[in-house]
PDB file of N, CA and C in Angstrom:
ATOM      1  N   UNK A   1      91.973 226.550  55.342  1.00  0.00           N
ATOM      2  CA  UNK A   1      92.420 225.510  56.613  1.00  0.00           C
ATOM      3  C   UNK A   1      93.834 225.308  56.515  1.00  0.00           C
ATOM      4  N   UNK A   2      94.280 225.035  57.693  1.00  0.00           N
ATOM      5  CA  UNK A   2      95.587 224.573  57.681  1.00  0.00           C
ATOM      6  C   UNK A   2      96.037 223.572  56.890  1.00  0.00           C
ATOM      7  N   UNK A   3      97.080 223.796  56.113  1.00  0.00           N
ATOM      8  CA  UNK A   3      97.808 222.889  55.326  1.00  0.00           C
ATOM      9  C   UNK A   3      99.315 222.739  55.508  1.00  0.00           C
ATOM     10  N   UNK A   4     100.087 221.559  55.753  1.00  0.00           N
ATOM     11  CA  UNK A   4     101.327 221.498  55.832  1.00  0.00           C
ATOM     12  C   UNK A   4     101.609 220.393  55.043  1.00  0.00           C
ATOM     13  N   UNK A   5     102.552 220.594  54.148  1.00  0.00           N
ATOM     14  CA  UNK A   5     103.046 220.013  53.063  1.00  0.00           C
ATOM     15  C   UNK A   5     104.513 219.500  53.012  1.00  0.00           C
ATOM     16  N   UNK A   6     105.034 218.396  53.591  1.00  0.00           N
ATOM     17  CA  UNK A   6     106.348 218.129  53.703  1.00  0.00           C
ATOM     18  C   UNK A   6     106.939 217.338  52.390  1.00  0.00           C
ATOM     19  N   UNK A   7     108.293 217.699  52.118  1.00  0.00           N
ATOM     20  CA  UNK A   7     108.737 216.943  51.062  1.00  0.00           C
ATOM     21  C   UNK A   7     110.332 217.012  51.206  1.00  0.00           C
ATOM     22  N   UNK A   8     111.198 216.260  50.488  1.00  0.00           N
ATOM     23  CA  UNK A   8     112.554 216.221  50.613  1.00  0.00           C
ATOM     24  C   UNK A   8     113.193 214.783  51.180  1.00  0.00           C
ATOM     25  N   UNK A   9     112.259 213.974  51.719  1.00  0.00           N
ATOM     26  CA  UNK A   9     112.594 212.852  52.000  1.00  0.00           C
ATOM     27  C   UNK A   9     113.230 211.685  51.011  1.00  0.00           C
ATOM     28  N   UNK A  10     113.776 210.667  51.408  1.00  0.00           N
ATOM     29  CA  UNK A  10     114.241 209.805  50.168  1.00  0.00           C
ATOM     30  C   UNK A  10     115.125 208.618  51.063  1.00  0.00           C
ATOM     31  N   UNK A  11     115.924 208.037  50.638  1.00  0.00           N
ATOM     32  CA  UNK A  11     116.919 206.953  50.734  1.00  0.00           C
ATOM     33  C   UNK A  11     118.284 207.471  50.505  1.00  0.00           C
ATOM     34  N   UNK A  12     119.012 207.492  51.656  1.00  0.00           N
ATOM     35  CA  UNK A  12     120.277 207.826  51.969  1.00  0.00           C
ATOM     36  C   UNK A  12     121.179 206.871  52.597  1.00  0.00           C
ATOM     37  N   UNK A  13     122.398 206.985  52.078  1.00  0.00           N
ATOM     38  CA  UNK A  13     123.406 206.072  53.021  1.00  0.00           C
ATOM     39  C   UNK A  13     123.799 206.542  54.497  1.00  0.00           C
ATOM     40  N   UNK A  14     124.106 205.996  55.236  1.00  0.00           N
ATOM     41  CA  UNK A  14     124.446 206.491  56.619  1.00  0.00           C
ATOM     42  C   UNK A  14     125.809 207.248  56.369  1.00  0.00           C
ATOM     43  N   UNK A  15     125.930 208.396  57.159  1.00  0.00           N
ATOM     44  CA  UNK A  15     126.681 209.678  57.008  1.00  0.00           C
ATOM     45  C   UNK A  15     126.380 210.733  55.893  1.00  0.00           C
ATOM     46  N   UNK A  16     125.234 210.378  55.260  1.00  0.00           N
ATOM     47  CA  UNK A  16     124.671 211.336  54.098  1.00  0.00           C
ATOM     48  C   UNK A  16     123.810 212.245  54.767  1.00  0.00           C
ATOM     49  N   UNK A  17     123.260 213.065  53.873  1.00  0.00           N
ATOM     50  CA  UNK A  17     122.533 214.433  54.239  1.00  0.00           C
ATOM     51  C   UNK A  17     121.249 214.402  53.580  1.00  0.00           C
ATOM     52  N   UNK A  18     120.103 215.131  54.167  1.00  0.00           N
ATOM     53  CA  UNK A  18     118.915 215.256  53.323  1.00  0.00           C
ATOM     54  C   UNK A  18     118.496 216.796  53.940  1.00  0.00           C
ATOM     55  N   UNK A  19     117.696 217.277  53.241  1.00  0.00           N
ATOM     56  CA  UNK A  19     117.017 218.525  53.644  1.00  0.00           C
ATOM     57  C   UNK A  19     115.586 218.400  53.665  1.00  0.00           C
ATOM     58  N   UNK A  20     114.627 218.558  54.722  1.00  0.00           N
ATOM     59  CA  UNK A  20     113.353 218.392  54.584  1.00  0.00           C
ATOM     60  C   UNK A  20     112.875 219.711  54.466  1.00  0.00           C
ATOM     61  N   UNK A  21     111.633 219.921  53.775  1.00  0.00           N
ATOM     62  CA  UNK A  21     110.891 221.240  53.602  1.00  0.00           C
ATOM     63  C   UNK A  21     109.451 220.902  54.063  1.00  0.00           C
ATOM     64  N   UNK A  22     108.954 221.912  54.537  1.00  0.00           N
ATOM     65  CA  UNK A  22     107.463 222.046  54.957  1.00  0.00           C
ATOM     66  C   UNK A  22     106.808 223.292  54.575  1.00  0.00           C
ATOM     67  N   UNK A  23     105.923 223.015  53.466  1.00  0.00           N
ATOM     68  CA  UNK A  23     105.320 224.550  53.129  1.00  0.00           C
ATOM     69  C   UNK A  23     104.084 224.691  53.923  1.00  0.00           C
ATOM     70  N   UNK A  24     103.575 225.806  54.505  1.00  0.00           N
ATOM     71  CA  UNK A  24     102.397 225.958  55.276  1.00  0.00           C
ATOM     72  C   UNK A  24     101.621 226.805  54.845  1.00  0.00           C
ATOM     73  N   UNK A  25     100.255 226.677  55.076  1.00  0.00           N
ATOM     74  CA  UNK A  25      99.400 227.714  54.710  1.00  0.00           C
ATOM     75  C   UNK A  25      98.252 227.477  55.522  1.00  0.00           C
ATOM     76  N   UNK A  26      97.313 228.703  55.271  1.00  0.00           N
ATOM     77  CA  UNK A  26      95.993 228.735  56.246  1.00  0.00           C
ATOM     78  C   UNK A  26      96.272 229.232  57.394  1.00  0.00           C
ATOM     79  N   UNK A  27      97.230 229.909  57.754  1.00  0.00           N
ATOM     80  CA  UNK A  27      97.346 230.519  59.108  1.00  0.00           C
ATOM     81  C   UNK A  27      98.557 231.540  58.821  1.00  0.00           C
ATOM     82  N   UNK A  28      98.636 232.281  60.096  1.00  0.00           N
ATOM     83  CA  UNK A  28      99.847 233.291  59.805  1.00  0.00           C
ATOM     84  C   UNK A  28     100.944 232.876  60.296  1.00  0.00           C
ATOM     85  N   UNK A  29     101.826 232.291  59.449  1.00  0.00           N
ATOM     86  CA  UNK A  29     102.993 231.417  59.669  1.00  0.00           C
ATOM     87  C   UNK A  29     103.808 232.350  60.753  1.00  0.00           C
ATOM     88  N   UNK A  30     104.217 233.425  60.343  1.00  0.00           N
ATOM     89  CA  UNK A  30     105.205 234.251  60.921  1.00  0.00           C
ATOM     90  C   UNK A  30     104.754 234.471  62.534  1.00  0.00           C
ATOM     91  N   UNK A  31     103.627 233.910  63.076  1.00  0.00           N
ATOM     92  CA  UNK A  31     103.536 234.458  64.297  1.00  0.00           C
ATOM     93  C   UNK A  31     103.496 233.064  65.245  1.00  0.00           C
ATOM     94  N   UNK A  32     104.118 231.773  64.676  1.00  0.00           N
ATOM     95  CA  UNK A  32     104.039 230.738  65.280  1.00  0.00           C
ATOM     96  C   UNK A  32     105.067 229.755  65.199  1.00  0.00           C
ATOM     97  N   UNK A  33     105.593 229.214  66.304  1.00  0.00           N
ATOM     98  CA  UNK A  33     106.523 228.251  66.498  1.00  0.00           C
ATOM     99  C   UNK A  33     106.029 227.039  65.510  1.00  0.00           C
ATOM    100  N   UNK A  34     107.204 226.337  65.155  1.00  0.00           N
ATOM    101  CA  UNK A  34     106.871 225.027  64.135  1.00  0.00           C
ATOM    102  C   UNK A  34     107.839 224.163  64.718  1.00  0.00           C
ATOM    103  N   UNK A  35     107.433 222.851  64.682  1.00  0.00           N
ATOM    104  CA  UNK A  35     108.312 221.666  64.983  1.00  0.00           C
ATOM    105  C   UNK A  35     108.306 220.670  63.837  1.00  0.00           C
ATOM    106  N   UNK A  36     109.116 219.870  64.054  1.00  0.00           N
ATOM    107  CA  UNK A  36     109.386 218.620  63.275  1.00  0.00           C
ATOM    108  C   UNK A  36     109.368 217.297  64.271  1.00  0.00           C
ATOM    109  N   UNK A  37     108.742 216.467  64.072  1.00  0.00           N
ATOM    110  CA  UNK A  37     108.579 215.077  64.506  1.00  0.00           C
ATOM    111  C   UNK A  37     108.785 214.098  63.914  1.00  0.00           C
ATOM    112  N   UNK A  38     109.206 212.975  64.194  1.00  0.00           N
ATOM    113  CA  UNK A  38     109.381 211.606  63.485  1.00  0.00           C
ATOM    114  C   UNK A  38     108.804 210.438  64.312  1.00  0.00           C
ATOM    115  N   UNK A  39     108.326 209.472  63.567  1.00  0.00           N
ATOM    116  CA  UNK A  39     107.735 208.119  63.873  1.00  0.00           C
ATOM    117  C   UNK A  39     108.574 206.971  63.196  1.00  0.00           C
ATOM    118  N   UNK A  40     109.369 206.216  63.846  1.00  0.00           N
ATOM    119  CA  UNK A  40     109.899 204.961  63.306  1.00  0.00           C
ATOM    120  C   UNK A  40     108.798 203.767  63.519  1.00  0.00           C
ATOM    121  N   UNK A  41     109.138 202.825  62.740  1.00  0.00           N
ATOM    122  CA  UNK A  41     108.040 201.493  62.634  1.00  0.00           C
ATOM    123  C   UNK A  41     108.191 201.109  64.266  1.00  0.00           C
ATOM    124  N   UNK A  42     106.927 200.872  64.488  1.00  0.00           N
ATOM    125  CA  UNK A  42     106.814 200.310  66.084  1.00  0.00           C
ATOM    126  C   UNK A  42     107.078 201.069  67.246  1.00  0.00           C
ATOM    127  N   UNK A  43     107.378 202.420  66.970  1.00  0.00           N
ATOM    128  CA  UNK A  43     107.862 203.177  67.975  1.00  0.00           C
ATOM    129  C   UNK A  43     106.705 204.757  68.235  1.00  0.00           C
ATOM    130  N   UNK A  44     106.834 205.230  69.289  1.00  0.00           N
ATOM    131  CA  UNK A  44     105.989 206.695  69.456  1.00  0.00           C
ATOM    132  C   UNK A  44     106.662 207.618  68.459  1.00  0.00           C
ATOM    133  N   UNK A  45     105.487 208.424  68.087  1.00  0.00           N
ATOM    134  CA  UNK A  45     106.162 209.712  67.604  1.00  0.00           C
ATOM    135  C   UNK A  45     106.685 210.724  68.398  1.00  0.00           C
ATOM    136  N   UNK A  46     107.990 210.920  68.105  1.00  0.00           N
ATOM    137  CA  UNK A  46     108.952 211.942  69.020  1.00  0.00           C
ATOM    138  C   UNK A  46     109.137 213.364  68.360  1.00  0.00           C
ATOM    139  N   UNK A  47     109.431 214.269  69.137  1.00  0.00           N
ATOM    140  CA  UNK A  47     109.878 215.538  68.655  1.00  0.00           C
ATOM    141  C   UNK A  47     111.363 215.498  68.354  1.00  0.00           C
ATOM    142  N   UNK A  48     111.642 216.115  67.196  1.00  0.00           N
ATOM    143  CA  UNK A  48     112.919 216.245  66.624  1.00  0.00           C
ATOM    144  C   UNK A  48     113.631 217.604  67.003  1.00  0.00           C
ATOM    145  N   UNK A  49     112.696 218.511  66.644  1.00  0.00           N
ATOM    146  CA  UNK A  49     113.225 220.207  66.763  1.00  0.00           C
ATOM    147  C   UNK A  49     112.092 220.992  66.604  1.00  0.00           C
ATOM    148  N   UNK A  50     112.313 222.148  67.297  1.00  0.00           N
ATOM    149  CA  UNK A  50     111.273 223.324  67.182  1.00  0.00           C
ATOM    150  C   UNK A  50     112.040 224.588  67.224  1.00  0.00           C
ATOM    151  N   UNK A  51     111.028 225.484  66.310  1.00  0.00           N
ATOM    152  CA  UNK A  51     111.753 226.858  66.222  1.00  0.00           C
ATOM    153  C   UNK A  51     110.868 227.929  66.294  1.00  0.00           C
ATOM    154  N   UNK A  52     111.009 228.955  67.052  1.00  0.00           N
ATOM    155  CA  UNK A  52     110.212 229.850  67.492  1.00  0.00           C
ATOM    156  C   UNK A  52     109.911 230.814  66.238  1.00  0.00           C
ATOM    157  N   UNK A  53     108.975 231.706  66.486  1.00  0.00           N
ATOM    158  CA  UNK A  53     108.328 232.306  65.235  1.00  0.00           C
ATOM    159  C   UNK A  53     109.270 233.281  64.508  1.00  0.00           C
ATOM    160  N   UNK A  54     110.271 233.824  65.232  1.00  0.00           N
ATOM    161  CA  UNK A  54     111.153 234.752  64.766  1.00  0.00           C
ATOM    162  C   UNK A  54     112.499 234.125  64.626  1.00  0.00           C
ATOM    163  N   UNK A  55     112.660 232.843  64.838  1.00  0.00           N
ATOM    164  CA  UNK A  55     114.098 232.128  64.696  1.00  0.00           C
ATOM    165  C   UNK A  55     115.048 232.143  65.687  1.00  0.00           C
ATOM    166  N   UNK A  56     114.465 232.899  66.963  1.00  0.00           N
ATOM    167  CA  UNK A  56     115.617 233.464  67.891  1.00  0.00           C
ATOM    168  C   UNK A  56     115.799 232.138  68.924  1.00  0.00           C
ATOM    169  N   UNK A  57     115.058 231.253  68.639  1.00  0.00           N
ATOM    170  CA  UNK A  57     115.275 230.175  69.657  1.00  0.00           C
ATOM    171  C   UNK A  57     115.120 228.834  69.057  1.00  0.00           C
ATOM    172  N   UNK A  58     115.733 227.815  69.015  1.00  0.00           N
ATOM    173  CA  UNK A  58     115.598 226.351  68.759  1.00  0.00           C
ATOM    174  C   UNK A  58     115.967 225.353  69.777  1.00  0.00           C
ATOM    175  N   UNK A  59     115.322 224.195  69.586  1.00  0.00           N
ATOM    176  CA  UNK A  59     115.385 223.037  70.570  1.00  0.00           C
ATOM    177  C   UNK A  59     115.417 221.917  69.709  1.00  0.00           C
ATOM    178  N   UNK A  60     116.359 221.049  70.302  1.00  0.00           N
ATOM    179  CA  UNK A  60     116.402 219.567  69.719  1.00  0.00           C
ATOM    180  C   UNK A  60     116.550 218.475  70.579  1.00  0.00           C
ATOM    181  N   UNK A  61     116.045 217.324  70.134  1.00  0.00           N
ATOM    182  CA  UNK A  61     116.108 216.084  70.818  1.00  0.00           C
ATOM    183  C   UNK A  61     117.536 215.765  71.072  1.00  0.00           C
ATOM    184  N   UNK A  62     117.905 215.287  71.897  1.00  0.00           N
ATOM    185  CA  UNK A  62     119.534 214.820  72.386  1.00  0.00           C
ATOM    186  C   UNK A  62     119.708 213.923  71.199  1.00  0.00           C
ATOM    187  N   UNK A  63     119.152 213.213  70.615  1.00  0.00           N
ATOM    188  CA  UNK A  63     119.545 212.051  69.718  1.00  0.00           C
ATOM    189  C   UNK A  63     120.071 212.961  68.262  1.00  0.00           C
ATOM    190  N   UNK A  64     119.510 213.998  68.000  1.00  0.00           N
ATOM    191  CA  UNK A  64     120.054 214.644  66.643  1.00  0.00           C
ATOM    192  C   UNK A  64     120.793 215.941  66.996  1.00  0.00           C
ATOM    193  N   UNK A  65     121.039 216.414  68.162  1.00  0.00           N
ATOM    194  CA  UNK A  65     121.846 217.663  68.536  1.00  0.00           C
ATOM    195  C   UNK A  65     123.269 217.496  67.794  1.00  0.00           C
ATOM    196  N   UNK A  66     123.578 218.592  67.070  1.00  0.00           N
ATOM    197  CA  UNK A  66     124.859 218.587  66.201  1.00  0.00           C
ATOM    198  C   UNK A  66     124.816 217.914  64.957  1.00  0.00           C
ATOM    199  N   UNK A  67     123.634 217.393  64.682  1.00  0.00           N
ATOM    200  CA  UNK A  67     123.647 216.744  63.289  1.00  0.00           C
ATOM    201  C   UNK A  67     122.522 217.415  62.505  1.00  0.00           C
ATOM    202  N   UNK A  68     121.598 217.741  63.262  1.00  0.00           N
ATOM    203  CA  UNK A  68     120.076 218.346  62.550  1.00  0.00           C
ATOM    204  C   UNK A  68     120.134 220.054  62.788  1.00  0.00           C
ATOM    205  N   UNK A  69     119.614 220.471  61.805  1.00  0.00           N
ATOM    206  CA  UNK A  69     119.330 221.964  62.145  1.00  0.00           C
ATOM    207  C   UNK A  69     118.071 222.341  61.542  1.00  0.00           C
ATOM    208  N   UNK A  70     117.233 223.022  62.439  1.00  0.00           N
ATOM    209  CA  UNK A  70     115.903 223.408  61.901  1.00  0.00           C
ATOM    210  C   UNK A  70     115.939 225.013  61.660  1.00  0.00           C
ATOM    211  N   UNK A  71     115.297 225.473  60.613  1.00  0.00           N
ATOM    212  CA  UNK A  71     115.258 226.895  60.145  1.00  0.00           C
ATOM    213  C   UNK A  71     113.922 227.091  59.559  1.00  0.00           C
ATOM    214  N   UNK A  72     113.741 228.328  59.190  1.00  0.00           N
ATOM    215  CA  UNK A  72     112.516 228.722  58.775  1.00  0.00           C
ATOM    216  C   UNK A  72     112.855 230.149  57.852  1.00  0.00           C
ATOM    217  N   UNK A  73     111.786 230.284  56.798  1.00  0.00           N
ATOM    218  CA  UNK A  73     111.835 231.157  55.745  1.00  0.00           C
ATOM    219  C   UNK A  73     110.461 231.857  55.883  1.00  0.00           C
ATOM    220  N   UNK A  74     110.002 232.851  56.824  1.00  0.00           N
ATOM    221  CA  UNK A  74     108.667 233.406  56.841  1.00  0.00           C
ATOM    222  C   UNK A  74     108.203 234.024  55.668  1.00  0.00           C
ATOM    223  N   UNK A  75     109.193 234.535  54.687  1.00  0.00           N
ATOM    224  CA  UNK A  75     108.546 235.018  53.539  1.00  0.00           C
ATOM    225  C   UNK A  75     108.042 233.883  52.704  1.00  0.00           C
ATOM    226  N   UNK A  76     108.476 232.765  52.767  1.00  0.00           N
ATOM    227  CA  UNK A  76     107.934 231.804  52.025  1.00  0.00           C
ATOM    228  C   UNK A  76     107.192 230.856  52.691  1.00  0.00           C
ATOM    229  N   UNK A  77     106.734 230.943  53.982  1.00  0.00           N
ATOM    230  CA  UNK A  77     105.951 230.068  54.773  1.00  0.00           C
ATOM    231  C   UNK A  77     106.429 228.714  54.698  1.00  0.00           C
ATOM    232  N   UNK A  78     107.764 228.460  55.078  1.00  0.00           N
ATOM    233  CA  UNK A  78     108.373 227.236  54.998  1.00  0.00           C
ATOM    234  C   UNK A  78     109.208 227.088  56.037  1.00  0.00           C
ATOM    235  N   UNK A  79     109.310 225.732  56.597  1.00  0.00           N
ATOM    236  CA  UNK A  79     110.186 225.313  57.668  1.00  0.00           C
ATOM    237  C   UNK A  79     110.921 224.033  57.219  1.00  0.00           C
ATOM    238  N   UNK A  80     112.211 224.083  57.528  1.00  0.00           N
ATOM    239  CA  UNK A  80     113.083 223.384  57.006  1.00  0.00           C
ATOM    240  C   UNK A  80     113.853 222.448  58.160  1.00  0.00           C
ATOM    241  N   UNK A  81     114.194 221.298  57.730  1.00  0.00           N
ATOM    242  CA  UNK A  81     114.909 220.505  58.610  1.00  0.00           C
ATOM    243  C   UNK A  81     116.303 219.947  57.935  1.00  0.00           C
ATOM    244  N   UNK A  82     117.463 220.346  58.104  1.00  0.00           N
ATOM    245  CA  UNK A  82     118.765 220.133  57.626  1.00  0.00           C
ATOM    246  C   UNK A  82     119.247 219.030  58.295  1.00  0.00           C
ATOM    247  N   UNK A  83     119.491 217.713  57.827  1.00  0.00           N
ATOM    248  CA  UNK A  83     119.915 216.325  58.481  1.00  0.00           C
ATOM    249  C   UNK A  83     121.348 216.023  57.908  1.00  0.00           C
ATOM    250  N   UNK A  84     122.212 216.058  58.903  1.00  0.00           N
ATOM    251  CA  UNK A  84     123.596 215.840  58.537  1.00  0.00           C
ATOM    252  C   UNK A  84     123.953 214.473  59.030  1.00  0.00           C
ATOM    253  N   UNK A  85     124.865 213.710  58.626  1.00  0.00           N
ATOM    254  CA  UNK A  85     125.654 212.649  59.395  1.00  0.00           C
ATOM    255  C   UNK A  85     124.503 211.751  59.769  1.00  0.00           C
ATOM    256  N   UNK A  86     123.446 211.303  58.897  1.00  0.00           N
ATOM    257  CA  UNK A  86     122.452 210.604  59.180  1.00  0.00           C
ATOM    258  C   UNK A  86     122.784 209.051  59.531  1.00  0.00           C
ATOM    259  N   UNK A  87     122.247 208.676  60.453  1.00  0.00           N
ATOM    260  CA  UNK A  87     122.356 207.337  60.933  1.00  0.00           C
ATOM    261  C   UNK A  87     121.101 206.464  60.618  1.00  0.00           C
ATOM    262  N   UNK A  88     121.415 204.934  60.589  1.00  0.00           N
ATOM    263  CA  UNK A  88     120.255 204.163  60.285  1.00  0.00           C
ATOM    264  C   UNK A  88     119.267 204.354  61.345  1.00  0.00           C
ATOM    265  N   UNK A  89     119.344 204.637  62.560  1.00  0.00           N
ATOM    266  CA  UNK A  89     118.368 204.975  63.459  1.00  0.00           C
ATOM    267  C   UNK A  89     117.586 206.196  63.408  1.00  0.00           C
ATOM    268  N   UNK A  90     118.044 207.017  62.247  1.00  0.00           N
ATOM    269  CA  UNK A  90     117.132 208.220  61.907  1.00  0.00           C
ATOM    270  C   UNK A  90     116.097 207.874  60.941  1.00  0.00           C
ATOM    271  N   UNK A  91     115.999 206.570  60.460  1.00  0.00           N
ATOM    272  CA  UNK A  91     114.888 206.200  59.551  1.00  0.00           C
ATOM    273  C   UNK A  91     113.611 206.260  60.201  1.00  0.00           C
ATOM    274  N   UNK A  92     112.845 206.871  59.633  1.00  0.00           N
ATOM    275  CA  UNK A  92     111.236 207.236  60.082  1.00  0.00           C
ATOM    276  C   UNK A  92     110.555 208.129  59.123  1.00  0.00           C
ATOM    277  N   UNK A  93     109.230 208.090  59.432  1.00  0.00           N
ATOM    278  CA  UNK A  93     108.344 209.164  58.800  1.00  0.00           C
ATOM    279  C   UNK A  93     108.444 210.423  59.500  1.00  0.00           C
ATOM    280  N   UNK A  94     108.946 211.430  58.555  1.00  0.00           N
ATOM    281  CA  UNK A  94     109.216 212.881  59.325  1.00  0.00           C
ATOM    282  C   UNK A  94     107.841 213.658  59.131  1.00  0.00           C
ATOM    283  N   UNK A  95     107.347 214.404  60.159  1.00  0.00           N
ATOM    284  CA  UNK A  95     106.174 215.195  60.193  1.00  0.00           C
ATOM    285  C   UNK A  95     106.295 216.635  60.575  1.00  0.00           C
ATOM    286  N   UNK A  96     105.661 217.426  59.686  1.00  0.00           N
ATOM    287  CA  UNK A  96     105.973 218.840  60.293  1.00  0.00           C
ATOM    288  C   UNK A  96     104.606 219.031  61.360  1.00  0.00           C
ATOM    289  N   UNK A  97     104.709 220.163  62.094  1.00  0.00           N
ATOM    290  CA  UNK A  97     103.906 220.146  63.191  1.00  0.00           C
ATOM    291  C   UNK A  97     103.512 221.539  63.511  1.00  0.00           C
ATOM    292  N   UNK A  98     102.336 222.059  63.637  1.00  0.00           N
ATOM    293  CA  UNK A  98     101.778 223.348  64.013  1.00  0.00           C
ATOM    294  C   UNK A  98     100.849 222.963  64.985  1.00  0.00           C
ATOM    295  N   UNK A  99     101.232 223.641  66.278  1.00  0.00           N
ATOM    296  CA  UNK A  99     100.305 223.443  67.335  1.00  0.00           C
ATOM    297  C   UNK A  99      99.689 224.790  67.978  1.00  0.00           C
ATOM    298  N   UNK A 100      98.585 224.773  68.385  1.00  0.00           N
ATOM    299  CA  UNK A 100      97.708 225.944  69.164  1.00  0.00           C
ATOM    300  C   UNK A 100      97.212 225.134  70.217  1.00  0.00           C
ATOM    301  N   UNK A 101      96.643 226.145  71.008  1.00  0.00           N
ATOM    302  CA  UNK A 101      96.040 225.688  72.149  1.00  0.00           C
ATOM    303  C   UNK A 101      95.137 224.728  72.023  1.00  0.00           C
ATOM    304  N   UNK A 102      94.083 224.891  70.685  1.00  0.00           N
ATOM    305  CA  UNK A 102      92.932 224.015  70.689  1.00  0.00           C
ATOM    306  C   UNK A 102      93.253 222.660  69.753  1.00  0.00           C
ATOM    307  N   UNK A 103      94.280 222.830  69.074  1.00  0.00           N
ATOM    308  CA  UNK A 103      94.646 221.977  68.174  1.00  0.00           C
ATOM    309  C   UNK A 103      96.063 221.676  67.668  1.00  0.00           C
ATOM    310  N   UNK A 104      96.272 220.386  67.134  1.00  0.00           N
ATOM    311  CA  UNK A 104      97.619 219.987  66.401  1.00  0.00           C
ATOM    312  C   UNK A 104      97.214 219.707  65.071  1.00  0.00           C
ATOM    313  N   UNK A 105      98.172 220.240  64.142  1.00  0.00           N
ATOM    314  CA  UNK A 105      98.057 220.117  62.774  1.00  0.00           C
ATOM    315  C   UNK A 105      99.302 219.433  62.402  1.00  0.00           C
ATOM    316  N   UNK A 106      98.959 218.519  61.509  1.00  0.00           N
ATOM    317  CA  UNK A 106     100.143 217.644  61.001  1.00  0.00           C
ATOM    318  C   UNK A 106     100.166 217.563  59.451  1.00  0.00           C
ATOM    319  N   UNK A 107     101.307 217.398  58.791  1.00  0.00           N
ATOM    320  CA  UNK A 107     101.390 217.152  57.365  1.00  0.00           C
ATOM    321  C   UNK A 107     101.138 215.528  57.173  1.00  0.00           C
ATOM    322  N   UNK A 108     101.427 215.202  55.884  1.00  0.00           N
ATOM    323  CA  UNK A 108     101.321 213.822  55.833  1.00  0.00           C
ATOM    324  C   UNK A 108     102.310 213.062  55.966  1.00  0.00           C
ATOM    325  N   UNK A 109     103.436 213.687  56.156  1.00  0.00           N
ATOM    326  CA  UNK A 109     104.534 213.007  56.511  1.00  0.00           C
ATOM    327  C   UNK A 109     105.546 212.748  55.190  1.00  0.00           C
ATOM    328  N   UNK A 110     106.922 212.568  55.378  1.00  0.00           N
ATOM    329  CA  UNK A 110     107.801 212.162  54.400  1.00  0.00           C
ATOM    330  C   UNK A 110     108.848 211.123  54.999  1.00  0.00           C
ATOM    331  N   UNK A 111     108.839 209.968  54.310  1.00  0.00           N
ATOM    332  CA  UNK A 111     109.880 208.954  54.540  1.00  0.00           C
ATOM    333  C   UNK A 111     111.231 209.307  54.422  1.00  0.00           C
ATOM    334  N   UNK A 112     112.115 209.049  55.598  1.00  0.00           N
ATOM    335  CA  UNK A 112     113.443 209.316  55.487  1.00  0.00           C
ATOM    336  C   UNK A 112     113.932 207.841  55.650  1.00  0.00           C
ATOM    337  N   UNK A 113     114.659 207.173  54.942  1.00  0.00           N
ATOM    338  CA  UNK A 113     115.312 205.914  54.935  1.00  0.00           C
ATOM    339  C   UNK A 113     116.874 205.933  54.908  1.00  0.00           C
ATOM    340  N   UNK A 114     117.357 205.603  56.107  1.00  0.00           N
ATOM    341  CA  UNK A 114     118.897 205.559  55.920  1.00  0.00           C
ATOM    342  C   UNK A 114     119.464 204.028  55.978  1.00  0.00           C
ATOM    343  N   UNK A 115     120.243 203.751  54.877  1.00  0.00           N
ATOM    344  CA  UNK A 115     120.417 202.258  54.833  1.00  0.00           C
ATOM    345  C   UNK A 115     121.562 202.165  53.559  1.00  0.00           C
ATOM    346  N   UNK A 116     122.518 201.278  54.071  1.00  0.00           N
ATOM    347  CA  UNK A 116     123.541 200.910  53.158  1.00  0.00           C
ATOM    348  C   UNK A 116     123.339 199.945  52.249  1.00  0.00           C
TER     349      UNK A 116
END
């Protein structure tokens, strides 16, 4: 079955950096786009970034453009989210997502807290 396991979250000061990882299994990873979402307390889950199967196209939420970078390593079945210049408003649980026509798959999420 599909499994997505996120890691790399933590507590960081404003202006700092973190790199999230999502290890995927149970499907043909190199044939599918992957995404990162986040959900802050009291807010809806929002799309942060998406990357195509061959990494030839990426898309970002306006709020993270120029600060976050999504990438993937198809040999390792892993997708990454490099987060730089972090802001307090980036605080959220970050989720890895694999979507197909009939289903959405999510990891358990990893907490990112940006605070001084």
